[in-house]
Protein backbone atom coordinates (compact mmCIF):
# COMPACT_ATOMS: atom_id res chain seq x y z
CA UNK A 1 -1.60 -42.33 -11.19
CA UNK A 2 0.53 -40.93 -8.09
CA UNK A 3 -0.99 -41.47 -4.85
CA UNK A 4 -1.00 -38.47 -2.90
CA UNK A 5 -1.08 -37.06 0.62
CA UNK A 6 -4.59 -35.77 0.29
CA UNK A 7 -6.03 -39.52 -1.08
CA UNK A 8 -4.49 -41.01 1.59
CA UNK A 9 -6.87 -38.47 4.33
CA UNK A 10 -9.65 -39.29 2.30
CA UNK A 11 -8.92 -43.11 3.23
CA UNK A 12 -8.28 -42.43 6.78
CA UNK A 13 -10.44 -40.05 7.09
CA UNK A 14 -7.96 -37.40 8.73
CA UNK A 15 -7.18 -34.07 7.30
CA UNK A 16 -4.18 -33.51 5.53
CA UNK A 17 -2.33 -31.88 8.08
CA UNK A 18 -3.03 -35.13 10.15
CA UNK A 19 -1.43 -37.36 8.14
CA UNK A 20 1.48 -35.67 8.04
CA UNK A 21 1.92 -34.90 11.43
CA UNK A 22 2.53 -39.18 11.27
CA UNK A 23 4.03 -39.35 9.05
CA UNK A 24 6.98 -36.70 10.04
CA UNK A 25 6.33 -38.16 13.77
CA UNK A 26 6.30 -34.30 15.00
CA UNK A 27 3.37 -34.00 16.88
CA UNK A 28 1.56 -36.29 19.08
CA UNK A 29 -1.25 -38.16 17.11
CA UNK A 30 -3.56 -40.31 19.04
CA UNK A 31 -2.74 -44.38 18.58
CA UNK A 32 -5.91 -45.23 16.72
CA UNK A 33 -6.13 -42.12 14.70
CA UNK A 34 -2.11 -43.12 13.68
CA UNK A 35 -2.98 -46.46 12.97
CA UNK A 36 -5.73 -45.63 10.74
CA UNK A 37 -3.29 -43.07 8.50
CA UNK A 38 -0.96 -45.91 8.68
CA UNK A 39 -3.51 -48.27 6.98
CA UNK A 40 -4.47 -46.34 4.41
CA UNK A 41 -0.59 -45.31 3.42
CA UNK A 42 -0.18 -49.41 3.44
CA UNK A 43 -3.71 -49.98 1.48
CA UNK A 44 -2.92 -46.87 -0.90
CA UNK A 45 0.61 -47.75 -1.33
CA UNK A 46 1.83 -44.46 -0.77
CA UNK A 47 5.55 -43.47 -0.84
CA UNK A 48 6.86 -40.10 1.15
CA UNK A 49 9.14 -37.90 -1.14
CA UNK A 50 11.92 -38.37 1.11
CA UNK A 51 13.69 -35.36 -0.53
CA UNK A 52 11.00 -32.76 -0.59
CA UNK A 53 9.77 -33.63 3.17
CA UNK A 54 13.60 -33.00 4.48
CA UNK A 55 13.79 -30.12 2.72
CA UNK A 56 10.21 -28.81 4.23
CA UNK A 57 11.23 -30.01 8.06
CA UNK A 58 13.86 -29.48 10.24
CA UNK A 59 15.42 -32.99 10.03
CA UNK A 60 15.43 -36.38 8.22
CA UNK A 61 14.35 -39.47 8.71
CA UNK A 62 18.13 -40.25 8.57
CA UNK A 63 19.54 -41.83 12.24
CA UNK A 64 23.13 -41.97 12.24
CA UNK A 65 25.43 -44.76 14.20
CA UNK A 66 28.97 -43.94 15.25
CA UNK A 67 31.24 -46.95 16.26
CA UNK A 68 34.41 -47.25 16.46
CA UNK A 69 34.18 -50.87 14.97
CA UNK A 70 31.11 -52.62 13.67
CA UNK A 71 32.99 -55.89 13.62
CA UNK A 72 33.79 -55.69 17.42
CA UNK A 73 30.49 -57.63 18.86
CA UNK A 74 31.03 -54.62 21.27
CA UNK A 75 29.56 -52.13 19.09
CA UNK A 76 27.94 -54.40 16.63
CA UNK A 77 25.39 -55.86 19.45
CA UNK A 78 24.55 -51.97 20.31
CA UNK A 79 24.50 -50.74 16.58
CA UNK A 80 21.86 -53.83 15.93
CA UNK A 81 19.88 -53.21 18.86
CA UNK A 82 19.89 -48.65 17.98
CA UNK A 83 18.63 -50.39 14.50
CA UNK A 84 15.69 -52.97 15.34
CA UNK A 85 14.33 -50.04 17.73
CA UNK A 86 14.03 -46.64 15.44
CA UNK A 87 11.94 -48.86 13.35
CA UNK A 88 8.31 -49.35 12.69
CA UNK A 89 6.04 -50.87 15.46
CA UNK A 90 7.42 -54.16 16.41
CA UNK A 91 10.19 -54.04 13.58
CA UNK A 92 7.84 -53.42 10.82
CA UNK A 93 8.84 -51.39 7.98
CA UNK A 94 5.94 -49.47 7.63
CA UNK A 95 5.69 -46.46 5.90
CA UNK A 96 6.24 -43.38 7.95
CA UNK A 97 6.84 -44.96 10.93
CA UNK A 98 10.89 -45.86 10.46
CA UNK A 99 14.24 -44.05 10.36
CA UNK A 100 17.15 -45.15 7.56
CA UNK A 101 20.11 -46.23 9.96
CA UNK A 102 23.65 -45.51 8.84
CA UNK A 103 26.14 -46.53 10.41
CA UNK A 104 29.58 -44.56 10.86
CA UNK A 105 32.74 -46.59 11.54
CA UNK A 106 35.79 -44.33 12.69
CA UNK A 107 37.96 -46.92 13.38
CA UNK A 108 38.92 -44.83 17.06
CA UNK A 109 40.30 -42.09 14.75
CA UNK A 110 38.96 -38.64 16.31
CA UNK A 111 39.35 -36.94 12.91
CA UNK A 112 36.46 -38.90 11.26
CA UNK A 113 34.37 -39.24 14.29
CA UNK A 114 34.17 -35.22 13.70
CA UNK A 115 33.68 -36.03 9.84
CA UNK A 116 31.06 -37.91 10.26
CA UNK A 117 28.96 -35.81 12.71
CA UNK A 118 29.39 -33.28 9.87
CA UNK A 119 28.07 -35.54 7.16
CA UNK A 120 25.34 -36.10 9.38
CA UNK A 121 24.47 -32.54 9.83
CA UNK A 122 24.44 -31.30 6.33
CA UNK A 123 21.99 -34.82 6.17
CA UNK A 124 20.18 -33.05 8.90
CA UNK A 125 19.80 -36.24 10.53
CA UNK A 126 16.92 -36.88 12.52
CA UNK A 127 19.46 -38.14 15.46
CA UNK A 128 22.73 -39.35 16.03
CA UNK A 129 23.63 -42.06 18.73
CA UNK A 130 27.43 -42.08 19.63
CA UNK A 131 28.74 -45.64 21.42
CA UNK A 132 31.62 -46.83 23.32
CA UNK A 133 34.24 -44.60 25.09
CA UNK A 134 35.22 -41.13 24.45
CA UNK A 135 39.03 -39.75 23.54
CA UNK A 136 40.34 -38.31 26.15
CA UNK A 137 41.84 -35.25 24.50
CA UNK A 138 40.71 -31.47 25.11
CA UNK A 139 41.16 -30.17 21.71
CA UNK A 140 38.76 -33.12 20.44
CA UNK A 141 36.65 -32.87 23.38
CA UNK A 142 36.24 -29.39 22.69
CA UNK A 143 35.18 -30.07 18.58
CA UNK A 144 33.00 -32.80 19.70
CA UNK A 145 30.82 -30.10 22.22
CA UNK A 146 30.85 -27.36 19.49
CA UNK A 147 29.61 -30.24 16.76
CA UNK A 148 26.98 -31.70 19.08
CA UNK A 149 26.05 -28.42 20.10
CA UNK A 150 25.18 -27.54 16.31
CA UNK A 151 22.74 -30.88 15.72
CA UNK A 152 21.23 -30.46 18.62
CA UNK A 153 20.27 -26.83 18.13
CA UNK A 154 19.61 -27.83 14.47
CA UNK A 155 16.72 -30.26 15.62
CA UNK A 156 18.97 -33.44 15.74
CA UNK A 157 18.79 -35.54 19.10
CA UNK A 158 21.65 -36.63 20.41
CA UNK A 159 22.50 -39.99 22.69
CA UNK A 160 25.40 -41.07 24.12
CA UNK A 161 25.46 -44.88 24.55
CA UNK A 162 28.02 -46.48 26.41
CA UNK A 163 29.58 -43.01 26.95
CA UNK A 164 30.34 -40.91 29.85
CA UNK A 165 28.60 -37.56 29.99
CA UNK A 166 30.14 -34.61 27.56
CA UNK A 167 32.61 -32.65 30.53
CA UNK A 168 31.38 -29.30 28.91
CA UNK A 169 27.50 -30.60 29.43
CA UNK A 170 26.77 -30.06 26.43
CA UNK A 171 22.26 -30.65 26.53
CA UNK A 172 22.62 -33.68 24.17
CA UNK A 173 19.26 -35.48 24.92
CA UNK A 174 20.37 -38.11 27.36
CA UNK A 175 23.64 -39.62 28.36
CA UNK A 176 23.39 -43.91 28.97
CA UNK A 177 26.87 -44.31 30.63
CA UNK A 178 28.10 -48.13 31.44
CA UNK A 179 29.18 -48.13 34.81
CA UNK A 180 32.79 -49.10 34.08
CA UNK A 181 34.90 -48.32 37.60
CA UNK A 182 31.72 -50.83 39.58
CA UNK A 183 32.30 -53.52 36.88
CA UNK A 184 35.41 -53.49 37.06
CA UNK A 185 35.78 -53.12 40.83
CA UNK A 186 33.15 -56.06 41.28
CA UNK A 187 35.89 -58.27 39.35
CA UNK A 188 38.60 -57.38 40.75
CA UNK A 189 36.95 -58.31 44.04
CA UNK A 190 36.08 -61.69 42.82
CA UNK A 191 39.66 -62.63 42.46
CA UNK A 192 41.29 -60.65 45.73
CA UNK A 193 38.10 -63.25 47.44
CA UNK A 194 39.66 -66.45 45.88
CA UNK A 195 43.14 -65.38 47.78
CA UNK A 196 44.85 -63.83 44.18
CA UNK A 197 47.18 -60.88 45.47
CA UNK A 198 49.72 -60.60 42.63
CA UNK A 199 47.30 -59.65 39.65
CA UNK A 200 48.16 -58.37 36.60
CA UNK A 201 46.11 -56.20 34.48
CA UNK A 202 46.31 -55.64 30.85
CA UNK A 203 44.35 -52.42 29.59
CA UNK A 204 43.15 -50.38 26.88
CA UNK A 205 44.64 -47.20 25.15
CA UNK A 206 45.88 -44.82 27.79
CA UNK A 207 43.74 -41.96 26.11
CA UNK A 208 40.30 -43.69 26.38
CA UNK A 209 37.34 -43.39 29.13
CA UNK A 210 36.57 -46.78 29.14
CA UNK A 211 40.31 -47.78 29.78
CA UNK A 212 40.80 -45.35 32.47
CA UNK A 213 37.46 -45.86 34.27
CA UNK A 214 38.20 -49.68 34.00
CA UNK A 215 41.63 -49.35 35.51
CA UNK A 216 40.55 -46.97 38.27
CA UNK A 217 37.99 -49.84 39.29
CA UNK A 218 40.71 -52.38 39.31
CA UNK A 219 43.09 -50.40 41.52
CA UNK A 220 40.60 -49.11 43.73
CA UNK A 221 39.40 -52.69 44.71
CA UNK A 222 43.30 -53.57 44.69
CA UNK A 223 43.68 -50.09 47.76
CA UNK A 224 40.96 -51.55 49.49
CA UNK A 225 42.54 -54.61 50.06
CA UNK A 226 45.90 -53.00 51.04
CA UNK A 227 47.47 -53.89 47.35
CA UNK A 228 47.73 -50.07 46.11
CA UNK A 229 51.25 -50.11 45.98
CA UNK A 230 53.71 -51.26 42.93
CA UNK A 231 50.34 -51.08 40.37
CA UNK A 232 51.93 -49.63 37.70
CA UNK A 233 54.21 -52.30 37.27
CA UNK A 234 51.55 -54.62 36.40
CA UNK A 235 50.01 -52.98 34.29
CA UNK A 236 50.11 -53.14 30.49
CA UNK A 237 48.87 -51.00 27.95
CA UNK A 238 47.75 -51.60 24.30
CA UNK A 239 44.84 -51.62 21.82
CA UNK A 240 41.37 -53.59 22.15
CA UNK A 241 42.73 -56.67 20.25
CA UNK A 242 43.45 -60.39 20.86
CA UNK A 243 47.41 -59.47 19.43
CA UNK A 244 47.62 -56.63 22.20
CA UNK A 245 46.16 -59.06 24.85
CA UNK A 246 49.14 -62.11 24.12
CA UNK A 247 51.50 -58.96 23.77
CA UNK A 248 50.69 -58.05 27.12
CA UNK A 249 50.94 -61.12 28.95
CA UNK A 250 54.29 -61.82 27.40
CA UNK A 251 55.33 -58.18 29.39
CA UNK A 252 53.55 -59.01 32.31
CA UNK A 253 55.70 -62.82 32.45
CA UNK A 254 59.02 -61.07 31.99
CA UNK A 255 57.91 -58.71 35.05
CA UNK A 256 56.66 -60.48 37.18
CA UNK A 257 56.82 -64.71 36.55
CA UNK A 258 54.57 -65.41 39.91
CA UNK A 259 51.51 -64.07 38.24
CA UNK A 260 48.24 -65.46 39.97
CA UNK A 261 45.39 -63.78 38.01
CA UNK A 262 45.17 -61.74 34.83
CA UNK A 263 42.31 -59.11 34.06
CA UNK A 264 42.15 -58.05 31.06
CA UNK A 265 40.50 -55.26 29.30
CA UNK A 266 37.56 -56.40 27.64
CA UNK A 267 36.97 -60.34 26.41
CA UNK A 268 38.92 -60.03 22.84
CA UNK A 269 41.88 -59.14 25.07
CA UNK A 270 40.80 -61.56 27.40
CA UNK A 271 41.28 -64.64 24.27
CA UNK A 272 44.90 -63.12 23.63
CA UNK A 273 45.90 -63.51 27.28
CA UNK A 274 45.31 -67.21 27.11
CA UNK A 275 46.70 -67.99 24.29
CA UNK A 276 49.96 -66.77 25.48
CA UNK A 277 49.77 -68.50 29.33
CA UNK A 278 49.01 -71.61 27.19
CA UNK A 279 51.93 -70.95 25.13
CA UNK A 280 54.42 -71.23 27.86
CA UNK A 281 52.42 -74.13 29.70
CA UNK A 282 50.46 -72.64 31.82
CA UNK A 283 47.07 -74.11 33.06
CA UNK A 284 43.75 -71.78 33.19
CA UNK A 285 42.79 -71.15 36.07
CA UNK A 286 44.99 -73.98 37.99
CA UNK A 287 48.09 -71.90 37.21
CA UNK A 288 46.79 -68.17 36.25
CA UNK A 289 43.30 -66.87 36.52
CA UNK A 290 42.15 -64.83 33.45
CA UNK A 291 39.39 -62.56 33.39
CA UNK A 292 37.75 -60.52 30.79
CA UNK A 293 34.79 -57.91 30.24
CA UNK A 294 31.76 -57.24 28.18
CA UNK A 295 30.64 -60.89 28.28
CA UNK A 296 30.56 -60.85 24.62
CA UNK A 297 29.05 -64.05 22.82
CA UNK A 298 32.18 -66.17 22.53
CA UNK A 299 32.82 -65.63 26.16
CA UNK A 300 30.73 -68.68 27.45
CA UNK A 301 32.48 -70.35 24.23
CA UNK A 302 36.10 -70.14 24.83
CA UNK A 303 38.23 -72.61 26.55
CA UNK A 304 37.93 -72.48 29.55
CA UNK A 305 34.74 -70.01 29.20
CA UNK A 306 35.67 -66.81 30.53
CA UNK A 307 34.36 -65.11 34.01
CA UNK A 308 33.63 -61.24 32.91
CA UNK A 309 31.40 -58.37 32.87
CA UNK A 310 28.78 -58.77 32.01
CA UNK A 311 27.20 -55.10 30.13
CA UNK A 312 23.42 -54.74 29.06
CA UNK A 313 24.56 -54.10 25.40
CA UNK A 314 21.79 -55.33 23.97
CA UNK A 315 19.58 -53.33 26.20
CA UNK A 316 21.37 -49.94 25.97
CA UNK A 317 21.22 -50.28 22.57
CA UNK A 318 17.41 -50.55 22.10
CA UNK A 319 16.87 -48.25 24.79
CA UNK A 320 19.21 -45.32 22.88
CA UNK A 321 17.20 -46.39 20.13
CA UNK A 322 13.53 -45.53 21.68
CA UNK A 323 15.25 -42.49 22.91
CA UNK A 324 16.73 -41.21 19.72
CA UNK A 325 12.86 -41.09 17.94
CA UNK A 326 11.09 -40.57 20.74
CA UNK A 327 10.24 -43.78 21.70
CA UNK A 328 10.67 -43.23 25.67
CA UNK A 329 11.10 -40.38 27.58
CA UNK A 330 14.71 -38.93 28.33
CA UNK A 331 15.93 -39.76 32.16
CA UNK A 332 15.76 -37.81 35.21
CA UNK A 333 19.14 -34.91 34.95
CA UNK A 334 19.52 -36.87 31.18
CA UNK A 335 22.26 -39.63 32.49
CA UNK A 336 21.39 -42.83 33.78
CA UNK A 337 24.07 -44.64 34.96
CA UNK A 338 24.21 -48.41 33.03
CA UNK A 339 25.79 -51.23 35.84
CA UNK A 340 27.36 -54.67 35.10
CA UNK A 341 27.40 -57.58 36.81
CA UNK A 342 30.08 -60.84 37.61
CA UNK A 343 29.42 -64.12 35.62
CA UNK A 344 31.73 -66.06 36.97
CA UNK A 345 32.47 -69.09 34.70
CA UNK A 346 35.33 -71.60 34.58
CA UNK A 347 38.75 -69.09 33.57
CA UNK A 348 39.13 -67.72 37.41
CA UNK A 349 40.04 -70.36 40.59
CA UNK A 350 41.34 -69.86 44.10
CA UNK A 351 44.93 -69.99 44.65
CA UNK A 352 46.80 -73.36 44.97
C-alpha cells in the first residue's frame, strides 16, 4: 500500500501542509515539529514524488556545482564540501532534507559554463554554486550576467565560491571571494624577506581573474620593495598544469640564468617548476627557492615540501553549500572576502 502525505501527517500529528513545508524546505518550521515529521517519514518509508513536486514548486531538489576540472584538487575539495553541506542533518540522507548535487565539469570552456547554467535552469535547480576564477571576456561576462539573472528571478539561489563578484552587480545570493592579491603579496614579501631580488613568476592563463589578481599581488610586493621595473621579462603565462610550470621555468632560466626564486601560479604548476630546476642540476632551495599557491594536499609531501599560500578551500565550499540551501544567512552586502595564509616549508630559503 502506497504511503501518502496524509499518512505522514497523521503519524507526526501535524497538518499535511506542515509536512509539505518540511519536505520542500520553503517555509520555517519549529525544530521539534520538523524532527517529528522527518521521523514519521523515515518510519513510514515515505517517498516524495520528485517530478510532481518540482512541477508544483518553483524549484527542484537539484543543486548544480560548476567546476573547471573535478580532477584538480582545488575544485574537488570545494565541490566535495558543498555536497556534504547540502545533504541532510550531519550529512545523513533523511528524506526531505537532502539535495541532489550535480557536478558540472566545464573544462574551463566558457561555452560549456553557459550550457550547464541553461540545463540547470531547465531543471529548476534549487541552487547553483560556481567555483573558481572567472573568464575576463566582456561578451562572456554579459552572457553570464544575463543567465544568472534568469536563474535568480526563477527562484534559484546562486552562490559564487572562490571567484570575485560579477562586474555588473547581478544580485546573486552570496559571493565568497578568495583574497588572491593579498595572499600573493604576502608570499612575495616572504621571499623578499629572505633576500631574493631576482624572482621569476609562472602565471596562469592571462584571461582568468585568479591569474590577474595573484600576479597583481606579486607585483605590488615587488614595487613596494623598489623592484617594479622589468617584471614582464620575469613573467611567463601558461595553463594551471605541471607541464606548463616545467615549460615556463625553462623559458625563465633562458631569459634570466641568475634567478634565485620562482613563484608559481599554484601548487600543481610549482611541481613542474621543481622538475625543470632539478633536471638542470639546480638544488631547491639552496640554488633556487620555489613557492606555490593553494596548499593542495600534496604540497606538504613534495620534495622538499612546498612553501605556499593556504586557502581554506574546504571551509569555503562548506559555507557555499550552507548558503545555497539556506542553512546560513548571506553575508552583509552579499560579499565575503576569504583570506589565505603563507605556509613556510622547505622549498624556500635565504639567498646564499
